[in-house]
Amino acid sequence: MPTILGQNQYGKAENRVVKITRDGATHHIKDLNVSVALSGDMDEVHYSGSNANVLPTDTTKNTVYAFAKEHGIESAEQFGIHLARHFVTSQQPIHRARIRIEEYAWERIEASDAASQSIGADEAKHSFVRTGQEVRLTQITYDGSSWEVVSGLKDLVVMNSTNSEFWGYVKDKYTTLKEAYDRILATEVSGRWRFNWTDDEQRMPDWEKSYEQVKKHLLQAFAETYSLSLQQTLYQMGARIIDHRSEIDEVRFSLPNKHHFLVDLEPFGLKNDTADGAVYYAADRPYGLIEATVLRDGCEARIPEDLTNL
């Protein structure tokens, strides 16, 4: 039976690049994990093994490091845009470039006394601690004429210790869960948002400010929503981002429900009541998984349903 070649791409995955910028004695750090995927006129390398149209993956790796030095890293998005544009415009066989970036955050270590001459004060300018709140993400796709920028985050763990209920749900013969009128709501946020910036004629968003503001709005929505379901909270998080950030048309969240169950302390003669401050055990699995997309009215969903590789 005859066969034909389907979709294909190649590149260098997970190039770890750390860029230190020195502003006098004060240093700044950008820590990225960059993956490059290129596609285009690549049939012959699959059919005959001819590498005539192939830019070596080692070259793509070198380009990542060279661009970090030549262009700096203003933001993950801007760095990805520089790379995608370069690969598509400099190599005729390459028609499409996809750049995926994870960014790991660092924050400056506070000195004990900034006015002192101790080593601690000096270290504050060039000493950092890796922050563990979340991993920042972006994916840049460019085909020579249009852009798609999808940014996001993962591993952001949040909790409301009250103002959450769950009741009135469907019950059948297998239902054992008791209705809850005061429960812990906790999740590990994995979210992506798609920008409506698609071509060079448009004004480019301020990528750093946008990320900061999106994170602020999703956290505020989580904190301020009196939740009757995690689905309701998810929608409020997405809607708040859309309402406050005009550069974003689509938001998708994947929220595992990190269940916290009241411990049965009655065998020990102890009452475990939420009103008094209760004791819970945290169950890591199985877990409920709530996923949904929130769109600006009139816009089309383009973020994949499965966020695993985005």
Foldseek 3Di string as FASTA:
>chain_A
DDDADDDDKDAAFFQWDKDWDDPDLAIDIWTKGKTKIWDFQCRCCVVPVDCPQPDDNVVLSVVLHVCCVVVNDPDPVVSQVVSFLCVCVVGPRTQKMKMKMKIWDKDFDDAPDCVDPDVSNSRSRPPIDTDQQWIKIWMWMDRPFKIKIKIWIWQHKDKDQWLEWEDPDDDDPPDDDDGGRTHMWMWTKTKMWIFPGIGPVDDDDPVVVLVVVLVVQLVVLLHPDSYHDVQVSVQSSQVSSVVPPVRTFKMKIKIWGFDWAFDPCVVVVDDADVVVPGDTDTDPDDTDIDIDMDGDPPDDDDDDRDPPPD
